[in-house]
Structure formats: structure tokens, C-alpha cells
């Protein structure tokens, strides 16, 4: 993949992570993207892309353990997201 294509992919994914529609999802996913996006491989970026197409309430409910994660979304990036924790110093958006 060309460097410029990867940079555009990163920009789009970061934007989609940061502008979700709910404050909780914005905080979680933007912080997650800021930390992990630069180091993700192409297959992991594709997984994140797929996850970012999901409704906020699904992602938040899985993250909080309110509902069980469906097997089709149980991948390495989702596992990173499920174990990701925000600390007060990492929250800069709001």
C-alpha cells in the first residue's frame, strides 16, 4: 500500500473514531485511535474500519460487558479495545 493511501486511511479512521455521535463513544474511540492507530498493520486497520461501521451502543455495550460480543467481531483489534482503559490525562477532547 502506498504511504499516501495509508495516511488517508489513518485520517479517515481517526475522524470516524472521533466523531461518533455519542460523547462516550467519541471519548473511547478517539483515545483508542490516538494510541493504537499509528501502529496497526493493514489487516488490523481493516478490522478497525469494520468496527467503526457499527452503532455506538453496540460498541459501548460490549466494552462495558452489558452484552456479549458476537464472534464475528471478536478479533485482535476488538480485544485491544475491550482491554483499553482511559486515564484522566488521556482524555483531551472534552
Protein backbone atom coordinates (compact mmCIF):
# COMPACT_ATOMS: atom_id res chain seq x y z
CA UNK A 1 0.00 0.00 0.00
CA UNK A 2 1.29 3.43 -0.88
CA UNK A 3 2.23 5.68 2.00
CA UNK A 4 -0.26 8.37 0.95
CA UNK A 5 -3.07 5.79 0.78
CA UNK A 6 -2.21 4.58 4.27
CA UNK A 7 -2.13 8.16 5.58
CA UNK A 8 -5.56 8.85 4.09
CA UNK A 9 -6.87 5.62 5.62
CA UNK A 10 -5.48 6.67 9.00
CA UNK A 11 -7.08 10.13 8.70
CA UNK A 12 -10.46 8.68 7.79
CA UNK A 13 -10.40 6.10 10.58
CA UNK A 14 -9.34 8.70 13.13
CA UNK A 15 -12.12 11.03 12.02
CA UNK A 16 -14.69 8.24 12.21
CA UNK A 17 -13.47 7.26 15.67
CA UNK A 18 -13.58 10.83 16.96
CA UNK A 19 -16.94 11.87 15.53
CA UNK A 20 -19.34 9.13 16.52
CA UNK A 21 -22.43 10.87 17.75
CA UNK A 22 -22.31 9.95 21.42
CA UNK A 23 -19.88 11.51 23.84
CA UNK A 24 -18.97 8.16 25.40
CA UNK A 25 -18.09 6.58 22.06
CA UNK A 26 -16.21 9.71 20.95
CA UNK A 27 -14.05 9.64 24.08
CA UNK A 28 -13.35 5.92 23.97
CA UNK A 29 -12.76 5.50 20.25
CA UNK A 30 -10.84 8.73 19.67
CA UNK A 31 -8.47 7.94 22.54
CA UNK A 32 -8.10 4.36 21.32
CA UNK A 33 -7.34 5.56 17.79
CA UNK A 34 -4.80 8.10 19.03
CA UNK A 35 -2.93 5.39 20.92
CA UNK A 36 -3.16 2.43 18.53
CA UNK A 37 -3.82 3.71 15.01
CA UNK A 38 -0.17 4.54 14.17
CA UNK A 39 0.99 1.00 14.95
CA UNK A 40 -1.79 -1.05 13.34
CA UNK A 41 -1.00 -3.28 10.36
CA UNK A 42 -3.20 -3.25 7.24
CA UNK A 43 -5.32 -6.23 8.37
CA UNK A 44 -5.84 -4.55 11.75
CA UNK A 45 -6.82 -1.28 10.08
CA UNK A 46 -9.40 -3.26 8.08
CA UNK A 47 -10.76 -4.74 11.31
CA UNK A 48 -10.97 -1.29 12.90
CA UNK A 49 -12.70 0.01 9.76
CA UNK A 50 -15.31 -2.75 10.11
CA UNK A 51 -15.82 -1.98 13.81
CA UNK A 52 -16.27 1.73 13.18
CA UNK A 53 -19.26 0.96 10.95
CA UNK A 54 -21.15 -0.40 13.96
CA UNK A 55 -23.61 1.58 16.09
CA UNK A 56 -22.16 3.31 19.14
CA UNK A 57 -24.45 1.50 21.54
CA UNK A 58 -23.18 -1.92 20.38
CA UNK A 59 -19.54 -0.96 20.90
CA UNK A 60 -20.21 0.65 24.29
CA UNK A 61 -22.35 -2.26 25.50
CA UNK A 62 -19.64 -4.77 24.53
CA UNK A 63 -16.95 -2.61 26.13
CA UNK A 64 -18.90 -2.32 29.37
CA UNK A 65 -19.83 -6.01 29.34
CA UNK A 66 -23.58 -5.36 29.14
CA UNK A 67 -23.96 -7.59 26.10
CA UNK A 68 -21.89 -10.44 24.77
CA UNK A 69 -19.52 -9.76 21.90
CA UNK A 70 -20.65 -11.65 18.77
CA UNK A 71 -17.98 -14.00 17.39
CA UNK A 72 -17.81 -12.16 14.05
CA UNK A 73 -16.44 -9.07 15.83
CA UNK A 74 -14.09 -10.91 18.16
CA UNK A 75 -10.70 -10.08 16.69
CA UNK A 76 -7.35 -8.67 17.83
CA UNK A 77 -8.39 -5.02 17.46
CA UNK A 78 -11.65 -5.54 19.35
CA UNK A 79 -9.73 -7.33 22.08
CA UNK A 80 -7.43 -4.29 22.33
CA UNK A 81 -10.46 -2.04 22.54
CA UNK A 82 -12.10 -4.19 25.21
CA UNK A 83 -8.99 -4.02 27.37
CA UNK A 84 -8.28 -0.33 26.65
CA UNK A 85 -8.69 1.95 29.63
CA UNK A 86 -8.83 5.71 29.70
CA UNK A 87 -6.97 7.65 32.32
CA UNK A 88 -7.83 11.28 33.08
CA UNK A 89 -4.65 12.50 31.36
CA UNK A 90 -5.61 10.75 28.11
CA UNK A 91 -8.97 12.48 27.77
CA UNK A 92 -8.31 15.64 25.81
CA UNK A 93 -11.34 16.02 23.57
CA UNK A 94 -13.82 17.36 26.07
